[in-house]
């Protein structure tokens, strides 16, 4: 303590340097918290930059993405890019689009499809990474797990969340997963294509400007 009880401030040369985004990503890539529970091994897949204008908050990589190491490098990604109205070049520019699934590693497959994202991933990394994304203007919230985190949706049904998308716009938009497995849902809910997608494309374009 200094005079009159005030704490002594360290000189600039004594201050601990702030962790850079590159250093943070290096730590994420080296994470082994869930290794014992991942049948197919550890391979965090994400895309992030402090300059990103749009954030895609998804669930977890699938098998194909796990093998390539490229987020949404599958038919789901083709559909999502179409929904957003962006090119592959724009989509894979981290200074435009950040991609942070709730789980960074492929969780494996269960009886009815891919397993849920490992909760340890968000607990370990999400808050710190989200704190770096001050330039994000629009967050696309894909699926129930992301909705619980980003919308505080609790046990709300995904269909109800997507129907109420305007309540969250223009900063956040809840979306169904673009997987081909959701073709039946999309066929049963034609309002999504007619009502939501035109607004989504406009909001994405506005955010990227």
Protein backbone atom coordinates (compact mmCIF):
# COMPACT_ATOMS: atom_id res chain seq x y z
CA UNK A 1 0.00 0.00 0.00
CA UNK A 2 1.16 3.53 -0.68
CA UNK A 3 0.70 6.71 1.34
CA UNK A 4 -2.76 7.16 2.96
CA UNK A 5 -3.67 3.57 2.20
CA UNK A 6 -3.94 3.93 -1.58
CA UNK A 7 -2.73 0.90 -3.55
CA UNK A 8 0.50 1.35 -5.43
CA UNK A 9 -0.10 1.35 -9.19
CA UNK A 10 2.41 -0.72 -11.16
CA UNK A 11 4.58 0.96 -13.75
CA UNK A 12 3.59 0.28 -17.35
CA UNK A 13 6.53 -2.05 -17.79
CA UNK A 14 5.32 -4.09 -14.79
CA UNK A 15 1.78 -4.62 -16.08
CA UNK A 16 0.83 -8.07 -17.32
CA UNK A 17 0.22 -7.93 -21.10
CA UNK A 18 -3.38 -8.53 -22.15
CA UNK A 19 -4.02 -11.84 -23.86
CA UNK A 20 -4.41 -11.38 -27.60
CA UNK A 21 -7.09 -13.09 -29.65
CA UNK A 22 -4.40 -15.23 -31.28
CA UNK A 23 -3.20 -16.38 -27.87
CA UNK A 24 -6.74 -17.10 -26.74
CA UNK A 25 -7.41 -19.17 -29.85
CA UNK A 26 -4.20 -21.08 -29.26
CA UNK A 27 -5.47 -21.96 -25.80
CA UNK A 28 -8.83 -23.05 -27.23
CA UNK A 29 -7.13 -25.24 -29.83
CA UNK A 30 -5.10 -26.86 -27.07
CA UNK A 31 -8.10 -27.54 -24.85
CA UNK A 32 -8.44 -31.14 -23.62
CA UNK A 33 -11.22 -30.71 -21.04
CA UNK A 34 -13.60 -33.15 -22.80
CA UNK A 35 -11.02 -35.44 -24.36
CA UNK A 36 -11.98 -38.51 -22.33
CA UNK A 37 -15.62 -38.16 -23.46
CA UNK A 38 -14.98 -37.60 -27.19
CA UNK A 39 -14.98 -40.89 -29.07
CA UNK A 40 -13.59 -39.30 -32.23
CA UNK A 41 -10.96 -37.20 -30.55
CA UNK A 42 -10.38 -33.51 -29.92
CA UNK A 43 -10.59 -31.05 -32.80
CA UNK A 44 -12.03 -27.62 -31.90
CA UNK A 45 -13.67 -25.99 -34.92
CA UNK A 46 -14.47 -22.28 -34.79
CA UNK A 47 -13.88 -19.03 -36.64
CA UNK A 48 -13.48 -15.73 -34.84
CA UNK A 49 -12.07 -12.23 -35.09
CA UNK A 50 -12.57 -9.14 -32.95
CA UNK A 51 -13.68 -7.35 -36.14
CA UNK A 52 -16.52 -9.79 -36.95
CA UNK A 53 -19.89 -8.14 -37.63
CA UNK A 54 -22.10 -11.25 -37.66
CA UNK A 55 -21.94 -14.08 -35.13
CA UNK A 56 -23.25 -17.56 -35.87
CA UNK A 57 -24.00 -19.34 -32.61
CA UNK A 58 -24.63 -22.96 -33.50
CA UNK A 59 -24.60 -26.33 -31.76
CA UNK A 60 -21.48 -28.45 -32.44
CA UNK A 61 -19.54 -29.69 -35.47
CA UNK A 62 -20.82 -32.78 -37.26
CA UNK A 63 -18.69 -35.67 -38.48
CA UNK A 64 -17.86 -34.09 -41.84
CA UNK A 65 -16.81 -30.79 -40.25
CA UNK A 66 -14.78 -32.69 -37.67
CA UNK A 67 -12.85 -34.34 -40.51
CA UNK A 68 -12.27 -31.16 -42.54
CA UNK A 69 -11.77 -28.73 -39.67
CA UNK A 70 -13.83 -26.13 -41.58
CA UNK A 71 -17.05 -24.88 -39.93
CA UNK A 72 -20.27 -25.54 -41.88
CA UNK A 73 -18.32 -27.29 -44.63
CA UNK A 74 -21.32 -29.45 -45.47
CA UNK A 75 -24.88 -29.24 -46.88
CA UNK A 76 -25.98 -27.43 -43.70
CA UNK A 77 -23.49 -24.71 -44.52
CA UNK A 78 -24.70 -24.44 -48.11
CA UNK A 79 -28.23 -23.89 -46.87
CA UNK A 80 -27.17 -21.44 -44.15
CA UNK A 81 -25.21 -19.33 -46.63
CA UNK A 82 -28.28 -19.28 -48.87
CA UNK A 83 -30.46 -18.20 -45.94
CA UNK A 84 -28.01 -15.41 -45.15
CA UNK A 85 -27.54 -14.32 -48.75
CA UNK A 86 -23.73 -14.44 -48.55
CA UNK A 87 -21.00 -16.02 -50.64
CA UNK A 88 -18.53 -18.61 -49.35
CA UNK A 89 -15.85 -15.91 -49.49
CA UNK A 90 -17.87 -13.62 -47.21
CA UNK A 91 -18.89 -16.48 -44.93
CA UNK A 92 -15.32 -17.64 -44.35
CA UNK A 93 -13.93 -14.14 -43.77
CA UNK A 94 -13.46 -14.06 -39.97
CA UNK A 95 -13.47 -10.27 -40.01
CA UNK A 96 -17.05 -10.46 -41.27
CA UNK A 97 -18.48 -13.65 -39.77
CA UNK A 98 -17.60 -15.30 -36.46
CA UNK A 99 -18.67 -18.92 -35.95
CA UNK A 100 -18.87 -20.07 -32.33
CA UNK A 101 -20.82 -23.29 -31.78
CA UNK A 102 -21.87 -24.15 -28.24
CA UNK A 103 -19.42 -27.05 -28.40
CA UNK A 104 -16.26 -26.73 -30.47
CA UNK A 105 -15.62 -30.47 -30.90
CA UNK A 106 -17.69 -33.19 -32.55
CA UNK A 107 -19.60 -34.90 -29.71
CA UNK A 108 -20.32 -38.13 -31.59
CA UNK A 109 -23.55 -39.78 -32.66
CA UNK A 110 -26.42 -41.11 -30.59
CA UNK A 111 -29.56 -43.06 -31.43
CA UNK A 112 -31.35 -40.15 -33.09
CA UNK A 113 -28.48 -38.16 -34.56
CA UNK A 114 -25.52 -36.22 -33.26
CA UNK A 115 -25.15 -35.97 -29.50
CA UNK A 116 -25.66 -32.59 -27.76
CA UNK A 117 -22.67 -30.25 -27.50
CA UNK A 118 -20.55 -30.86 -24.43
CA UNK A 119 -21.54 -28.31 -21.79
CA UNK A 120 -17.96 -28.01 -20.50
CA UNK A 121 -16.97 -26.18 -23.68
CA UNK A 122 -19.26 -23.19 -23.14
CA UNK A 123 -18.46 -23.11 -19.43
CA UNK A 124 -14.74 -23.00 -20.17
CA UNK A 125 -14.53 -20.65 -23.17
CA UNK A 126 -17.72 -18.95 -24.26
CA UNK A 127 -17.75 -16.00 -21.88
CA UNK A 128 -14.15 -15.05 -22.63
CA UNK A 129 -14.59 -15.33 -26.39
CA UNK A 130 -17.90 -13.46 -26.41
CA UNK A 131 -16.23 -10.66 -24.47
CA UNK A 132 -13.94 -10.06 -27.45
CA UNK A 133 -16.74 -9.67 -30.01
CA UNK A 134 -17.61 -6.03 -29.45
CA UNK A 135 -18.10 -5.39 -33.20
CA UNK A 136 -20.90 -7.94 -33.65
CA UNK A 137 -24.15 -6.33 -34.83
CA UNK A 138 -26.18 -9.48 -35.50
CA UNK A 139 -26.20 -12.91 -33.85
CA UNK A 140 -27.81 -15.87 -35.60
CA UNK A 141 -28.94 -18.23 -32.84
CA UNK A 142 -29.22 -21.75 -34.27
CA UNK A 143 -30.95 -24.47 -32.30
CA UNK A 144 -32.14 -24.91 -28.72
CA UNK A 145 -28.76 -25.09 -27.01
CA UNK A 146 -27.64 -21.76 -28.44
CA UNK A 147 -31.07 -20.28 -27.70
CA UNK A 148 -30.79 -21.13 -24.01
CA UNK A 149 -27.46 -19.30 -23.82
CA UNK A 150 -28.13 -16.30 -26.06
CA UNK A 151 -31.87 -15.80 -25.58
CA UNK A 152 -32.45 -17.21 -22.11
CA UNK A 153 -35.18 -19.32 -23.67
CA UNK A 154 -35.25 -22.05 -21.02
CA UNK A 155 -37.49 -24.87 -22.23
CA UNK A 156 -39.24 -22.91 -24.98
CA UNK A 157 -39.91 -24.84 -28.18
CA UNK A 158 -37.69 -23.90 -31.06
CA UNK A 159 -40.64 -23.41 -33.42
CA UNK A 160 -42.16 -20.87 -31.03
CA UNK A 161 -38.85 -19.04 -30.75
CA UNK A 162 -38.44 -18.83 -34.51
CA UNK A 163 -42.02 -17.60 -34.90
CA UNK A 164 -41.24 -14.79 -32.45
CA UNK A 165 -38.03 -13.80 -34.25
CA UNK A 166 -39.16 -10.18 -34.56
CA UNK A 167 -39.13 -9.87 -30.75
CA UNK A 168 -35.35 -10.42 -30.82
CA UNK A 169 -34.49 -8.49 -33.98
CA UNK A 170 -32.48 -6.63 -35.10
CA UNK A 171 -29.64 -7.81 -32.81
CA UNK A 172 -30.50 -11.53 -32.62
CA UNK A 173 -32.44 -13.95 -34.80
CA UNK A 174 -33.41 -17.47 -33.63
CA UNK A 175 -33.18 -20.04 -36.43
CA UNK A 176 -33.79 -23.75 -36.93
CA UNK A 177 -30.76 -25.81 -37.81
CA UNK A 178 -30.13 -25.72 -41.58
CA UNK A 179 -29.40 -29.48 -41.64
CA UNK A 180 -31.15 -31.60 -44.30
CA UNK A 181 -32.60 -33.49 -41.33
CA UNK A 182 -34.85 -30.46 -40.85
CA UNK A 183 -36.43 -30.71 -44.29
CA UNK A 184 -39.68 -31.98 -42.77
CA UNK A 185 -39.80 -29.03 -40.36
CA UNK A 186 -39.20 -26.59 -43.20
CA UNK A 187 -41.95 -28.21 -45.27
CA UNK A 188 -44.39 -27.94 -42.35
CA UNK A 189 -43.51 -24.31 -41.68
CA UNK A 190 -43.51 -22.48 -45.03
CA UNK A 191 -43.84 -19.15 -43.19
CA UNK A 192 -40.15 -19.43 -42.31
CA UNK A 193 -39.09 -19.08 -45.93
CA UNK A 194 -41.68 -16.47 -46.83
CA UNK A 195 -41.59 -14.31 -43.68
CA UNK A 196 -38.26 -14.80 -41.93
CA UNK A 197 -35.66 -15.31 -44.66
CA UNK A 198 -36.19 -12.01 -46.53
CA UNK A 199 -35.73 -10.10 -43.26
CA UNK A 200 -32.77 -12.25 -42.32
CA UNK A 201 -30.99 -11.49 -45.59
CA UNK A 202 -31.61 -7.78 -45.09
CA UNK A 203 -30.30 -7.80 -41.52
CA UNK A 204 -27.18 -9.72 -42.53
CA UNK A 205 -26.47 -7.28 -45.37
CA UNK A 206 -26.98 -4.35 -43.04
CA UNK A 207 -24.66 -5.81 -40.39
CA UNK A 208 -21.91 -6.53 -42.89
CA UNK A 209 -22.03 -2.97 -44.20
